Structures are given as C-alpha cells and as structure tokens.
Amino acid sequence: MSYNKAWEVGYARDRAQGRRRYVPATDTRAKLQQLVDARVPVRAIARASGLSDTAVAHIIDGRHEQVQRRTAARIASLTLNDVYARACGSVPSVGAVRRVQALMALGWRKTDLQAEGVPTGQLVTRSRDLISVEGWRQVRDVYDRLSMTLGPSQAARDRAAARGYLPPLAWDDERIDNPRATPQRGGPVEAAVDWVVVDRVVAGGSAGAWCDTDLQLTQDERVAAARGLSTGGSSDREIAEAIGVSPRTVLRLRHRQEISAGRPGTRPGSSEREESMPVDATGSQRLRRSTGLEKVAGYGTVQPRGANVGLSARRGS
C-alpha cells in the first residue's frame, strides 16, 4: 500500500467516524505568535513543531486558515523548554540568566557553577539577548541537578538576595524561559479559580486522561487541581500528565503550596509501571530543605481564594 493510498483510507475512515482531519488554525496561530513574541527564532519553532520554516510563517501570517488536527495538538502542547531542546544556533538568554540567578539565590557561587558545567558567569553580569543553544542546555542541565539542593555559601545567598535574584521556587519549568512570565512571590493573593474546570481536570486525571490543552489552566487552577489529584492518590507523574506540566514542576508546586504527596499506584486504574516507579526521597528531602529556606526569605505559600464561575462558559462547560 502506497503512502497516498494509506492516507486516503485513513481520511475516509475519519470522515465515516465523524473525525475532522483539519481544524481552524486560530489557536495554532495564537500559540505560534506567543513563541515569536517570546523572541524564539522561527527556525527553532519549525524544528520543534515538525513543520517547515515556510509553513510556520504561513500559519502566523494567516495564509493557512486550517491545520491538521495532530499538528494543532502538537503545537498546543509545546513549551519553550521543548523548543529550545530541539533548536540549533542561538536562543534567548533570559531563561539561562534566571536559572543561574536562582542557583545563586540558593547559595551556589559562580565558581561552583562553572565547576558544575555552567559555561560562563557572564550570563549574570552582562546583558546579552541571545545565548548559544549548547550553552542554554548546559545551564539547564546544571539547574536540573542543583535546583533542589542548597549551595555551600551563605554569603552567596546574602549577595543574591541583595541583588534581587529569585530562587527556583519563584519559577515553573514551563515558564522560566518566557520573557513575559512573572515570578511566583510570597504572600496570599486573591485568585479567580474556575472550579468547574478544576473538577474536570481532577476527574480526567483520576481516570488517567492527559491534559486537555483547550482548558488553558491558570496557575491557581493548576494548584487546585494538583491538590485534588494528590488527595485522590495520584503520583507526581500522574498529576503532571493531567495538568500539562513536568513532574519536577509538580514536585516544586507541592512543596511551595504544602501539598502532601500522593502514593504512586494507589489511584484507581494506575498502571503496574507507575506502582513500580521509585520515589525520589533524597530529591524530595533536598527540595524540602531549600523550600524552608526560601520561605524564610519571603517566598511563602500562595493560596487560591474565591471563584469565578464566569470562566466556565468560555471553556465549553
């Protein structure tokens, strides 16, 4: 069977079952524009999305009014971290700068970071819009290793605090590379939470469903959903799949919000693989210690308060 014949058979089957192969490009165009606004090169976006440079440009400028459903789903789930991981050449340096500063806020000195593999301490002291993607990956890898461990220098922590450097708890992995992202700061805030959407995510996550990208959860709705899923016995990995973030972000979110850990495999329908996955007790203990220090420094728990029932209508409820 040739490729064209297979495509035609699949297309006919989808039509017979009422599944549309193509969807309006509106949401895809908006997501691509967000990446462009974040100063991501079009070539990097194309590489991560599996499209050509020309196709990405045509979607953005409105020449393509429809896109394949699987293309729309793939682009909707893209994060800046995903894009940079597949990019070549140069990428914006803002995420690398934030990571280095966050590690310094934990007490890691420049010499420590350079010994661990950060290419240069100049990321902090010089204003540069771009960094090589290789340098970004080196900084990301060091950050992933050290962001849950206190550094050896109290003096470095004091200097970082005086300079206003924000610790890892201030950033989610999915937002740290976005120049428009704002940090999570301490203190209770009033937040609009759509509890209908939260309940839908909790129900879907409890049933093993992946994140519905159309819901576009706010940070406070993610917190509420994570709390509900954890109470129901979902593990960090299961919560990450349900709310559309990485397991590491869930771990940080739980410690920031003082959410107890669910037990892997206790949720109805959990797989044997999930039951057999070891719990990273050492990493969790390190994060607990660094969380305590950061809260003393003023990065406390943010509790969502209140609700906004008007959001449900805009999300198809």
C-alpha atoms as a PDB file:
ATOM      1  CA  MET A   1       0.000   0.000   0.000  1.00  0.00           C
ATOM      2  CA  SER A   2       1.439   3.300  -1.062  1.00  0.00           C
ATOM      3  CA  TYR A   3       1.637   6.280   1.267  1.00  0.00           C
ATOM      4  CA  ASN A   4      -1.059   8.141  -0.698  1.00  0.00           C
ATOM      5  CA  LYS A   5      -3.397   5.152  -0.606  1.00  0.00           C
ATOM      6  CA  ALA A   6      -2.882   4.752   3.148  1.00  0.00           C
ATOM      7  CA  TRP A   7      -3.610   8.450   3.664  1.00  0.00           C
ATOM      8  CA  GLU A   8      -6.803   8.197   1.585  1.00  0.00           C
ATOM      9  CA  VAL A   9      -8.000   5.147   3.527  1.00  0.00           C
ATOM     10  CA  GLY A  10      -7.303   6.888   6.826  1.00  0.00           C
ATOM     11  CA  TYR A  11      -9.043  10.043   5.660  1.00  0.00           C
ATOM     12  CA  ALA A  12     -12.119   8.097   4.546  1.00  0.00           C
ATOM     13  CA  ARG A  13     -12.239   6.250   7.854  1.00  0.00           C
ATOM     14  CA  ASP A  14     -12.016   9.505   9.813  1.00  0.00           C
ATOM     15  CA  ARG A  15     -14.817  11.057   7.770  1.00  0.00           C
ATOM     16  CA  ALA A  16     -17.014   7.991   8.249  1.00  0.00           C
ATOM     17  CA  GLN A  17     -16.491   8.203  12.018  1.00  0.00           C
ATOM     18  CA  GLY A  18     -17.096  11.945  12.122  1.00  0.00           C
ATOM     19  CA  ARG A  19     -13.477  12.879  12.957  1.00  0.00           C
ATOM     20  CA  ARG A  20     -12.253  16.023  11.245  1.00  0.00           C
ATOM     21  CA  ARG A  21      -8.731  15.810   9.871  1.00  0.00           C
ATOM     22  CA  TYR A  22      -8.350  19.605   9.794  1.00  0.00           C
ATOM     23  CA  VAL A  23      -9.285  22.256  12.356  1.00  0.00           C
ATOM     24  CA  PRO A  24      -9.272  26.081  12.235  1.00  0.00           C
ATOM     25  CA  ALA A  25      -5.764  27.476  12.610  1.00  0.00           C
ATOM     26  CA  THR A  26      -6.809  30.248  15.026  1.00  0.00           C
ATOM     27  CA  ASP A  27      -5.479  28.667  18.235  1.00  0.00           C
ATOM     28  CA  THR A  28      -2.364  27.334  16.500  1.00  0.00           C
ATOM     29  CA  ARG A  29      -1.637  30.783  15.067  1.00  0.00           C
ATOM     30  CA  ALA A  30      -2.005  32.350  18.514  1.00  0.00           C
ATOM     31  CA  LYS A  31       0.377  29.817  20.087  1.00  0.00           C
ATOM     32  CA  LEU A  32       2.989  30.327  17.371  1.00  0.00           C
ATOM     33  CA  GLN A  33       2.664  34.091  17.765  1.00  0.00           C
ATOM     34  CA  GLN A  34       3.291  33.705  21.518  1.00  0.00           C
ATOM     35  CA  LEU A  35       6.538  31.899  20.744  1.00  0.00           C
ATOM     36  CA  VAL A  36       7.550  34.601  18.264  1.00  0.00           C
ATOM     37  CA  ASP A  37       6.706  37.286  20.828  1.00  0.00           C
ATOM     38  CA  ALA A  38       8.992  35.424  23.243  1.00  0.00           C
ATOM     39  CA  ARG A  39      11.776  36.102  20.700  1.00  0.00           C
ATOM     40  CA  VAL A  40      12.109  32.481  19.610  1.00  0.00           C
ATOM     41  CA  PRO A  41      13.562  32.166  16.090  1.00  0.00           C
ATOM     42  CA  VAL A  42      11.109  30.804  13.514  1.00  0.00           C
ATOM     43  CA  ARG A  43      13.619  28.118  12.565  1.00  0.00           C
ATOM     44  CA  ALA A  44      13.660  26.843  16.158  1.00  0.00           C
ATOM     45  CA  ILE A  45       9.854  26.800  16.257  1.00  0.00           C
ATOM     46  CA  ALA A  46       9.727  24.873  12.980  1.00  0.00           C
ATOM     47  CA  ARG A  47      12.251  22.320  14.183  1.00  0.00           C
ATOM     48  CA  ALA A  48      10.296  21.635  17.395  1.00  0.00           C
ATOM     49  CA  SER A  49       6.878  21.533  15.719  1.00  0.00           C
ATOM     50  CA  GLY A  50       7.884  19.290  12.843  1.00  0.00           C
ATOM     51  CA  LEU A  51       6.954  21.888  10.223  1.00  0.00           C
ATOM     52  CA  SER A  52       8.967  23.787   7.673  1.00  0.00           C
ATOM     53  CA  ASP A  53      10.007  27.403   8.221  1.00  0.00           C
ATOM     54  CA  THR A  54       7.643  28.384   5.417  1.00  0.00           C
ATOM     55  CA  ALA A  55       4.682  26.512   6.915  1.00  0.00           C
ATOM     56  CA  VAL A  56       5.197  28.204  10.286  1.00  0.00           C
ATOM     57  CA  ALA A  57       5.407  31.627   8.621  1.00  0.00           C
ATOM     58  CA  HIS A  58       2.280  30.965   6.561  1.00  0.00           C
ATOM     59  CA  ILE A  59       0.266  29.935   9.627  1.00  0.00           C
ATOM     60  CA  ILE A  60       1.384  33.037  11.512  1.00  0.00           C
ATOM     61  CA  ASP A  61       0.590  35.459   8.679  1.00  0.00           C
ATOM     62  CA  GLY A  62      -2.839  33.875   8.063  1.00  0.00           C
ATOM     63  CA  ARG A  63      -2.255  32.213   4.705  1.00  0.00           C
ATOM     64  CA  HIS A  64      -3.202  28.828   6.186  1.00  0.00           C
ATOM     65  CA  GLU A  65      -6.707  29.011   7.617  1.00  0.00           C
ATOM     66  CA  GLN A  66      -6.727  25.347   8.677  1.00  0.00           C
ATOM     67  CA  VAL A  67      -4.136  22.912  10.041  1.00  0.00           C
ATOM     68  CA  GLN A  68      -4.121  19.184  10.622  1.00  0.00           C
ATOM     69  CA  ARG A  69      -5.608  18.206  13.970  1.00  0.00           C
ATOM     70  CA  ARG A  70      -2.435  16.392  15.063  1.00  0.00           C
ATOM     71  CA  THR A  71      -0.338  19.433  14.117  1.00  0.00           C
ATOM     72  CA  ALA A  72      -2.622  21.663  16.197  1.00  0.00           C
ATOM     73  CA  ALA A  73      -2.338  19.294  19.173  1.00  0.00           C
ATOM     74  CA  ARG A  74       1.447  19.078  18.878  1.00  0.00           C
ATOM     75  CA  ILE A  75       1.893  22.862  18.750  1.00  0.00           C
ATOM     76  CA  ALA A  76      -0.609  23.444  21.584  1.00  0.00           C
ATOM     77  CA  SER A  77       1.498  21.276  23.895  1.00  0.00           C
ATOM     78  CA  LEU A  78       4.830  22.915  23.005  1.00  0.00           C
ATOM     79  CA  THR A  79       6.713  24.721  25.762  1.00  0.00           C
ATOM     80  CA  LEU A  80       9.741  26.952  25.352  1.00  0.00           C
ATOM     81  CA  ASN A  81      11.771  24.212  27.006  1.00  0.00           C
ATOM     82  CA  ASP A  82      10.646  21.789  24.276  1.00  0.00           C
ATOM     83  CA  VAL A  83      11.539  24.289  21.553  1.00  0.00           C
ATOM     84  CA  TYR A  84      14.987  25.066  22.927  1.00  0.00           C
ATOM     85  CA  ALA A  85      15.763  21.389  23.446  1.00  0.00           C
ATOM     86  CA  ARG A  86      15.380  20.843  19.676  1.00  0.00           C
ATOM     87  CA  ALA A  87      16.745  24.174  18.479  1.00  0.00           C
ATOM     88  CA  CYS A  88      20.050  24.938  16.810  1.00  0.00           C
ATOM     89  CA  GLY A  89      22.037  28.169  16.675  1.00  0.00           C
ATOM     90  CA  SER A  90      21.066  30.769  19.283  1.00  0.00           C
ATOM     91  CA  VAL A  91      18.098  31.188  21.628  1.00  0.00           C
ATOM     92  CA  PRO A  92      17.037  33.994  24.031  1.00  0.00           C
ATOM     93  CA  SER A  93      19.222  34.075  27.141  1.00  0.00           C
ATOM     94  CA  VAL A  94      16.557  35.119  29.657  1.00  0.00           C
ATOM     95  CA  GLY A  95      15.885  31.577  30.884  1.00  0.00           C
ATOM     96  CA  ALA A  96      19.577  30.805  31.335  1.00  0.00           C
ATOM     97  CA  VAL A  97      20.049  34.055  33.295  1.00  0.00           C
ATOM     98  CA  ARG A  98      17.120  33.246  35.562  1.00  0.00           C
ATOM     99  CA  ARG A  99      18.441  29.748  36.208  1.00  0.00           C
ATOM    100  CA  VAL A 100      21.920  30.989  37.159  1.00  0.00           C
ATOM    101  CA  GLN A 101      20.471  33.674  39.415  1.00  0.00           C
ATOM    102  CA  ALA A 102      18.126  31.153  41.048  1.00  0.00           C
ATOM    103  CA  LEU A 103      21.036  28.852  41.841  1.00  0.00           C
ATOM    104  CA  MET A 104      22.993  31.771  43.279  1.00  0.00           C
ATOM    105  CA  ALA A 105      19.959  32.556  45.458  1.00  0.00           C
ATOM    106  CA  LEU A 106      20.349  29.035  46.880  1.00  0.00           C
ATOM    107  CA  GLY A 107      23.983  29.707  47.767  1.00  0.00           C
ATOM    108  CA  TRP A 108      25.851  28.459  44.704  1.00  0.00           C
ATOM    109  CA  ARG A 109      28.821  30.673  43.830  1.00  0.00           C
ATOM    110  CA  LYS A 110      29.944  31.404  40.287  1.00  0.00           C
ATOM    111  CA  THR A 111      32.991  29.216  40.779  1.00  0.00           C
ATOM    112  CA  ASP A 112      30.757  26.354  41.936  1.00  0.00           C
ATOM    113  CA  LEU A 113      28.511  26.732  38.900  1.00  0.00           C
ATOM    114  CA  GLN A 114      31.419  26.887  36.489  1.00  0.00           C
ATOM    115  CA  ALA A 115      32.847  23.722  38.057  1.00  0.00           C
ATOM    116  CA  GLU A 116      29.464  22.034  37.554  1.00  0.00           C
ATOM    117  CA  GLY A 117      29.393  22.967  33.871  1.00  0.00           C
ATOM    118  CA  VAL A 118      27.825  26.423  33.500  1.00  0.00           C
ATOM    119  CA  PRO A 119      29.808  27.858  30.560  1.00  0.00           C
ATOM    120  CA  THR A 120      30.304  31.357  31.990  1.00  0.00           C
ATOM    121  CA  GLY A 121      29.282  33.538  34.915  1.00  0.00           C
ATOM    122  CA  GLN A 122      28.939  36.455  32.476  1.00  0.00           C
ATOM    123  CA  LEU A 123      25.308  35.445  31.940  1.00  0.00           C
ATOM    124  CA  VAL A 124      24.536  37.277  35.169  1.00  0.00           C
ATOM    125  CA  THR A 125      26.733  40.333  34.831  1.00  0.00           C
ATOM    126  CA  ARG A 126      26.339  41.116  31.131  1.00  0.00           C
ATOM    127  CA  SER A 127      23.220  41.945  29.195  1.00  0.00           C
ATOM    128  CA  ARG A 128      23.002  39.627  26.197  1.00  0.00           C
ATOM    129  CA  ASP A 129      19.828  38.895  24.313  1.00  0.00           C
ATOM    130  CA  LEU A 130      20.965  35.559  22.901  1.00  0.00           C
ATOM    131  CA  ILE A 131      22.952  32.537  24.037  1.00  0.00           C
ATOM    132  CA  SER A 132      24.064  29.531  22.020  1.00  0.00           C
ATOM    133  CA  VAL A 133      21.655  26.636  22.373  1.00  0.00           C
ATOM    134  CA  GLU A 134      24.559  24.497  23.596  1.00  0.00           C
ATOM    135  CA  GLY A 135      25.194  26.998  26.392  1.00  0.00           C
ATOM    136  CA  TRP A 136      21.491  27.068  27.251  1.00  0.00           C
ATOM    137  CA  ARG A 137      21.417  23.275  27.514  1.00  0.00           C
ATOM    138  CA  GLN A 138      24.468  23.270  29.780  1.00  0.00           C
ATOM    139  CA  VAL A 139      22.848  25.809  32.107  1.00  0.00           C
ATOM    140  CA  ARG A 140      19.559  23.876  32.065  1.00  0.00           C
ATOM    141  CA  ASP A 141      21.297  20.596  32.941  1.00  0.00           C
ATOM    142  CA  VAL A 142      23.183  22.168  35.856  1.00  0.00           C
ATOM    143  CA  TYR A 143      19.984  23.821  37.060  1.00  0.00           C
ATOM    144  CA  ASP A 144      18.118  20.498  36.923  1.00  0.00           C
ATOM    145  CA  ARG A 145      20.822  18.879  39.051  1.00  0.00           C
ATOM    146  CA  LEU A 146      21.231  21.617  41.660  1.00  0.00           C
ATOM    147  CA  SER A 147      17.893  23.437  41.906  1.00  0.00           C
ATOM    148  CA  MET A 148      16.697  21.215  44.761  1.00  0.00           C
ATOM    149  CA  THR A 149      19.935  21.434  46.763  1.00  0.00           C
ATOM    150  CA  LEU A 150      21.212  24.259  48.945  1.00  0.00           C
ATOM    151  CA  GLY A 151      24.553  25.710  47.905  1.00  0.00           C
ATOM    152  CA  PRO A 152      27.553  25.872  50.250  1.00  0.00           C
ATOM    153  CA  SER A 153      27.772  29.659  50.668  1.00  0.00           C
ATOM    154  CA  GLN A 154      25.581  31.785  52.945  1.00  0.00           C
ATOM    155  CA  ALA A 155      27.477  34.838  51.686  1.00  0.00           C
ATOM    156  CA  ALA A 156      26.385  33.991  48.130  1.00  0.00           C
ATOM    157  CA  ARG A 157      22.783  33.756  49.316  1.00  0.00           C
ATOM    158  CA  ASP A 158      23.047  37.138  51.006  1.00  0.00           C
ATOM    159  CA  ARG A 159      24.547  38.769  47.899  1.00  0.00           C
ATOM    160  CA  ALA A 160      21.883  37.221  45.683  1.00  0.00           C
ATOM    161  CA  ALA A 161      19.113  38.460  47.985  1.00  0.00           C
ATOM    162  CA  ALA A 162      20.588  41.976  47.993  1.00  0.00           C
ATOM    163  CA  ARG A 163      20.597  41.939  44.185  1.00  0.00           C
ATOM    164  CA  GLY A 164      17.012  40.712  43.996  1.00  0.00           C
ATOM    165  CA  TYR A 165      17.802  37.301  42.487  1.00  0.00           C
ATOM    166  CA  LEU A 166      14.801  34.949  42.681  1.00  0.00           C
ATOM    167  CA  PRO A 167      15.120  31.326  43.874  1.00  0.00           C
ATOM    168  CA  PRO A 168      13.905  28.251  41.958  1.00  0.00           C
ATOM    169  CA  LEU A 169      10.538  28.237  43.742  1.00  0.00           C
ATOM    170  CA  ALA A 170       9.736  31.522  42.011  1.00  0.00           C
ATOM    171  CA  TRP A 171       9.737  29.848  38.578  1.00  0.00           C
ATOM    172  CA  ASP A 172       7.942  26.920  36.989  1.00  0.00           C
ATOM    173  CA  ASP A 173       9.957  24.938  34.470  1.00  0.00           C
ATOM    174  CA  GLU A 174       7.369  25.691  31.768  1.00  0.00           C
ATOM    175  CA  ARG A 175       7.616  29.492  32.272  1.00  0.00           C
ATOM    176  CA  ILE A 176      11.201  30.228  33.248  1.00  0.00           C
ATOM    177  CA  ASP A 177      12.274  30.783  29.613  1.00  0.00           C
ATOM    178  CA  ASN A 178       9.381  33.106  28.786  1.00  0.00           C
ATOM    179  CA  PRO A 179      10.496  36.760  28.982  1.00  0.00           C
ATOM    180  CA  ARG A 180       6.880  37.772  29.699  1.00  0.00           C
ATOM    181  CA  ALA A 181       6.465  35.356  32.612  1.00  0.00           C
ATOM    182  CA  THR A 182       6.142  36.794  36.103  1.00  0.00           C
ATOM    183  CA  PRO A 183       7.629  35.050  39.144  1.00  0.00           C
ATOM    184  CA  GLN A 184       5.614  33.428  41.924  1.00  0.00           C
ATOM    185  CA  ARG A 185       6.096  35.577  45.005  1.00  0.00           C
ATOM    186  CA  GLY A 186       5.195  35.011  48.624  1.00  0.00           C
ATOM    187  CA  GLY A 187       2.057  36.079  50.406  1.00  0.00           C
ATOM    188  CA  PRO A 188      -1.614  35.150  49.941  1.00  0.00           C
ATOM    189  CA  VAL A 189      -3.367  36.570  46.919  1.00  0.00           C
ATOM    190  CA  GLU A 190      -6.942  36.701  45.733  1.00  0.00           C
ATOM    191  CA  ALA A 191      -7.275  34.459  42.703  1.00  0.00           C
ATOM    192  CA  ALA A 192     -10.097  33.682  40.283  1.00  0.00           C
ATOM    193  CA  VAL A 193     -10.411  29.902  40.108  1.00  0.00           C
ATOM    194  CA  ASP A 194     -12.874  28.198  37.789  1.00  0.00           C
ATOM    195  CA  TRP A 195     -13.835  25.221  39.937  1.00  0.00           C
ATOM    196  CA  VAL A 196     -15.826  23.600  37.129  1.00  0.00           C
ATOM    197  CA  VAL A 197     -12.623  23.392  35.085  1.00  0.00           C
ATOM    198  CA  VAL A 198     -10.642  22.200  38.128  1.00  0.00           C
ATOM    199  CA  ASP A 199     -13.188  19.442  38.788  1.00  0.00           C
ATOM    200  CA  ARG A 200     -12.996  18.396  35.140  1.00  0.00           C
ATOM    201  CA  VAL A 201      -9.202  18.137  35.284  1.00  0.00           C
ATOM    202  CA  VAL A 202      -9.300  16.180  38.544  1.00  0.00           C
ATOM    203  CA  ALA A 203     -11.893  13.775  37.140  1.00  0.00           C
ATOM    204  CA  GLY A 204      -9.923  13.308  33.926  1.00  0.00           C
ATOM    205  CA  GLY A 205      -6.609  12.902  35.736  1.00  0.00           C
ATOM    206  CA  SER A 206      -8.116  10.361  38.128  1.00  0.00           C
ATOM    207  CA  ALA A 207      -9.245   8.380  35.081  1.00  0.00           C
ATOM    208  CA  GLY A 208      -5.760   8.534  33.549  1.00  0.00           C
ATOM    209  CA  ALA A 209      -6.519  11.196  30.922  1.00  0.00           C
ATOM    210  CA  TRP A 210      -3.808  13.571  29.685  1.00  0.00           C
ATOM    211  CA  CYS A 211      -4.112  17.332  29.937  1.00  0.00           C
ATOM    212  CA  ASP A 212      -6.774  18.943  27.760  1.00  0.00           C
ATOM    213  CA  THR A 213      -4.797  21.836  26.270  1.00  0.00           C
ATOM    214  CA  ASP A 214      -8.044  23.646  25.328  1.00  0.00           C
ATOM    215  CA  LEU A 215      -8.723  24.349  29.020  1.00  0.00           C
ATOM    216  CA  GLN A 216      -5.734  26.719  29.345  1.00  0.00           C
ATOM    217  CA  LEU A 217      -5.417  26.355  33.123  1.00  0.00           C
ATOM    218  CA  THR A 218      -4.252  29.323  35.156  1.00  0.00           C
ATOM    219  CA  GLN A 219      -1.512  28.816  37.738  1.00  0.00           C
ATOM    220  CA  ASP A 220      -4.034  28.855  40.594  1.00  0.00           C
ATOM    221  CA  GLU A 221      -6.217  26.305  38.822  1.00  0.00           C
ATOM    222  CA  ARG A 222      -3.190  24.060  38.412  1.00  0.00           C
ATOM    223  CA  VAL A 223      -2.541  24.331  42.143  1.00  0.00           C
ATOM    224  CA  ALA A 224      -6.160  23.451  42.960  1.00  0.00           C
ATOM    225  CA  ALA A 225      -6.151  20.524  40.516  1.00  0.00           C
ATOM    226  CA  ALA A 226      -2.836  19.235  41.848  1.00  0.00           C
ATOM    227  CA  ARG A 227      -4.195  19.384  45.390  1.00  0.00           C
ATOM    228  CA  GLY A 228      -7.299  17.439  44.417  1.00  0.00           C
ATOM    229  CA  LEU A 229      -5.376  14.812  42.442  1.00  0.00           C
ATOM    230  CA  SER A 230      -2.814  14.357  45.192  1.00  0.00           C
ATOM    231  CA  THR A 231      -5.583  13.864  47.746  1.00  0.00           C
ATOM    232  CA  GLY A 232      -7.017  11.185  45.467  1.00  0.00           C
ATOM    233  CA  GLY A 233      -3.716   9.276  45.446  1.00  0.00           C
ATOM    234  CA  SER A 234      -2.226  10.458  42.123  1.00  0.00           C
ATOM    235  CA  SER A 235       1.554  10.486  41.891  1.00  0.00           C
ATOM    236  CA  ASP A 236       3.602  13.486  40.703  1.00  0.00           C
ATOM    237  CA  ARG A 237       3.917  11.935  37.249  1.00  0.00           C
ATOM    238  CA  GLU A 238       0.171  11.352  37.001  1.00  0.00           C
ATOM    239  CA  ILE A 239      -0.550  14.912  38.185  1.00  0.00           C
ATOM    240  CA  ALA A 240       1.950  16.280  35.640  1.00  0.00           C
ATOM    241  CA  GLU A 241       0.171  14.462  32.806  1.00  0.00           C
ATOM    242  CA  ALA A 242      -3.214  15.736  33.993  1.00  0.00           C
ATOM    243  CA  ILE A 243      -2.322  19.434  34.338  1.00  0.00           C
ATOM    244  CA  GLY A 244       0.192  19.676  31.485  1.00  0.00           C
ATOM    245  CA  VAL A 245       3.491  20.337  33.272  1.00  0.00           C
ATOM    246  CA  SER A 246       6.632  18.373  34.102  1.00  0.00           C
ATOM    247  CA  PRO A 247       6.899  16.094  37.183  1.00  0.00           C
ATOM    248  CA  ARG A 248       9.651  18.371  38.507  1.00  0.00           C
ATOM    249  CA  THR A 249       7.274  21.337  38.370  1.00  0.00           C
ATOM    250  CA  VAL A 250       4.671  19.307  40.279  1.00  0.00           C
ATOM    251  CA  LEU A 251       7.268  18.495  42.945  1.00  0.00           C
ATOM    252  CA  ARG A 252       8.133  22.173  43.353  1.00  0.00           C
ATOM    253  CA  LEU A 253       4.472  23.168  43.311  1.00  0.00           C
ATOM    254  CA  ARG A 254       3.616  20.660  46.054  1.00  0.00           C
ATOM    255  CA  HIS A 255       6.373  21.902  48.315  1.00  0.00           C
ATOM    256  CA  ARG A 256       5.580  25.549  47.607  1.00  0.00           C
ATOM    257  CA  GLN A 257       1.900  25.005  48.378  1.00  0.00           C
ATOM    258  CA  GLU A 258       2.463  22.405  51.139  1.00  0.00           C
ATOM    259  CA  ILE A 259       0.523  19.696  49.299  1.00  0.00           C
ATOM    260  CA  SER A 260       1.083  16.159  50.566  1.00  0.00           C
ATOM    261  CA  ALA A 261       2.433  13.638  48.082  1.00  0.00           C
ATOM    262  CA  GLY A 262       0.095  11.067  46.613  1.00  0.00           C
ATOM    263  CA  ARG A 263       1.153   7.455  46.674  1.00  0.00           C
ATOM    264  CA  PRO A 264       2.097   6.018  43.249  1.00  0.00           C
ATOM    265  CA  GLY A 265      -0.204   3.226  42.164  1.00  0.00           C
ATOM    266  CA  THR A 266      -2.972   3.877  44.718  1.00  0.00           C
ATOM    267  CA  ARG A 267      -5.147   5.783  42.265  1.00  0.00           C
ATOM    268  CA  PRO A 268      -7.812   3.590  40.609  1.00  0.00           C
ATOM    269  CA  GLY A 269      -6.541   2.434  37.232  1.00  0.00           C
ATOM    270  CA  SER A 270      -2.854   3.134  37.950  1.00  0.00           C
ATOM    271  CA  SER A 271      -0.501   1.033  35.875  1.00  0.00           C
ATOM    272  CA  GLU A 272       1.889  -1.554  37.266  1.00  0.00           C
ATOM    273  CA  ARG A 273       4.708   0.537  35.829  1.00  0.00           C
ATOM    274  CA  GLU A 274       3.598   3.508  37.923  1.00  0.00           C
ATOM    275  CA  GLU A 275       3.400   1.299  41.045  1.00  0.00           C
ATOM    276  CA  SER A 276       6.956   0.113  40.468  1.00  0.00           C
ATOM    277  CA  MET A 277       8.419   3.585  39.983  1.00  0.00           C
ATOM    278  CA  PRO A 278      10.719   4.505  42.907  1.00  0.00           C
ATOM    279  CA  VAL A 279      10.046   7.633  44.920  1.00  0.00           C
ATOM    280  CA  ASP A 280      12.922  10.110  44.870  1.00  0.00           C
ATOM    281  CA  ALA A 281      13.128  10.515  48.632  1.00  0.00           C
ATOM    282  CA  THR A 282      16.536  12.186  48.511  1.00  0.00           C
ATOM    283  CA  GLY A 283      15.464  14.791  45.957  1.00  0.00           C
ATOM    284  CA  SER A 284      12.262  15.473  47.880  1.00  0.00           C
ATOM    285  CA  GLN A 285      14.203  15.922  51.118  1.00  0.00           C
ATOM    286  CA  ARG A 286      16.610  18.350  49.434  1.00  0.00           C
ATOM    287  CA  LEU A 287      13.731  20.341  47.990  1.00  0.00           C
ATOM    288  CA  ARG A 288      12.048  20.436  51.394  1.00  0.00           C
ATOM    289  CA  ARG A 289      15.176  21.961  52.941  1.00  0.00           C
ATOM    290  CA  SER A 290      15.588  24.555  50.187  1.00  0.00           C
ATOM    291  CA  THR A 291      11.859  25.325  50.320  1.00  0.00           C
ATOM    292  CA  GLY A 292      12.127  26.051  54.021  1.00  0.00           C
ATOM    293  CA  LEU A 293      14.998  28.440  53.451  1.00  0.00           C
ATOM    294  CA  GLU A 294      13.211  30.233  50.622  1.00  0.00           C
ATOM    295  CA  LYS A 295      10.037  30.646  52.672  1.00  0.00           C
ATOM    296  CA  VAL A 296      12.055  32.196  55.473  1.00  0.00           C
ATOM    297  CA  ALA A 297      13.407  34.594  52.844  1.00  0.00           C
ATOM    298  CA  GLY A 298       9.847  35.592  51.917  1.00  0.00           C
ATOM    299  CA  TYR A 299       8.683  33.151  49.246  1.00  0.00           C
ATOM    300  CA  GLY A 300       5.699  31.696  51.074  1.00  0.00           C
ATOM    301  CA  THR A 301       2.606  29.765  50.208  1.00  0.00           C
ATOM    302  CA  VAL A 302       0.153  31.218  47.727  1.00  0.00           C
ATOM    303  CA  GLN A 303      -3.375  30.037  48.499  1.00  0.00           C
ATOM    304  CA  PRO A 304      -6.116  30.460  45.875  1.00  0.00           C
ATOM    305  CA  ARG A 305      -9.184  32.172  47.282  1.00  0.00           C
ATOM    306  CA  GLY A 306     -12.536  32.767  45.695  1.00  0.00           C
ATOM    307  CA  ALA A 307     -14.024  31.580  42.443  1.00  0.00           C
ATOM    308  CA  ASN A 308     -15.142  32.895  39.108  1.00  0.00           C
ATOM    309  CA  VAL A 309     -18.000  30.902  37.618  1.00  0.00           C
ATOM    310  CA  GLY A 310     -17.993  33.087  34.513  1.00  0.00           C
ATOM    311  CA  LEU A 311     -14.876  31.369  33.188  1.00  0.00           C
ATOM    312  CA  SER A 312     -16.688  28.063  32.637  1.00  0.00           C
ATOM    313  CA  ALA A 313     -18.830  29.384  29.818  1.00  0.00           C
ATOM    314  CA  ARG A 314     -15.743  30.405  27.872  1.00  0.00           C
ATOM    315  CA  ARG A 315     -14.280  26.890  28.185  1.00  0.00           C
ATOM    316  CA  GLY A 316     -17.146  24.967  26.740  1.00  0.00           C
ATOM    317  CA  SER A 317     -18.807  23.882  30.019  1.00  0.00           C
END
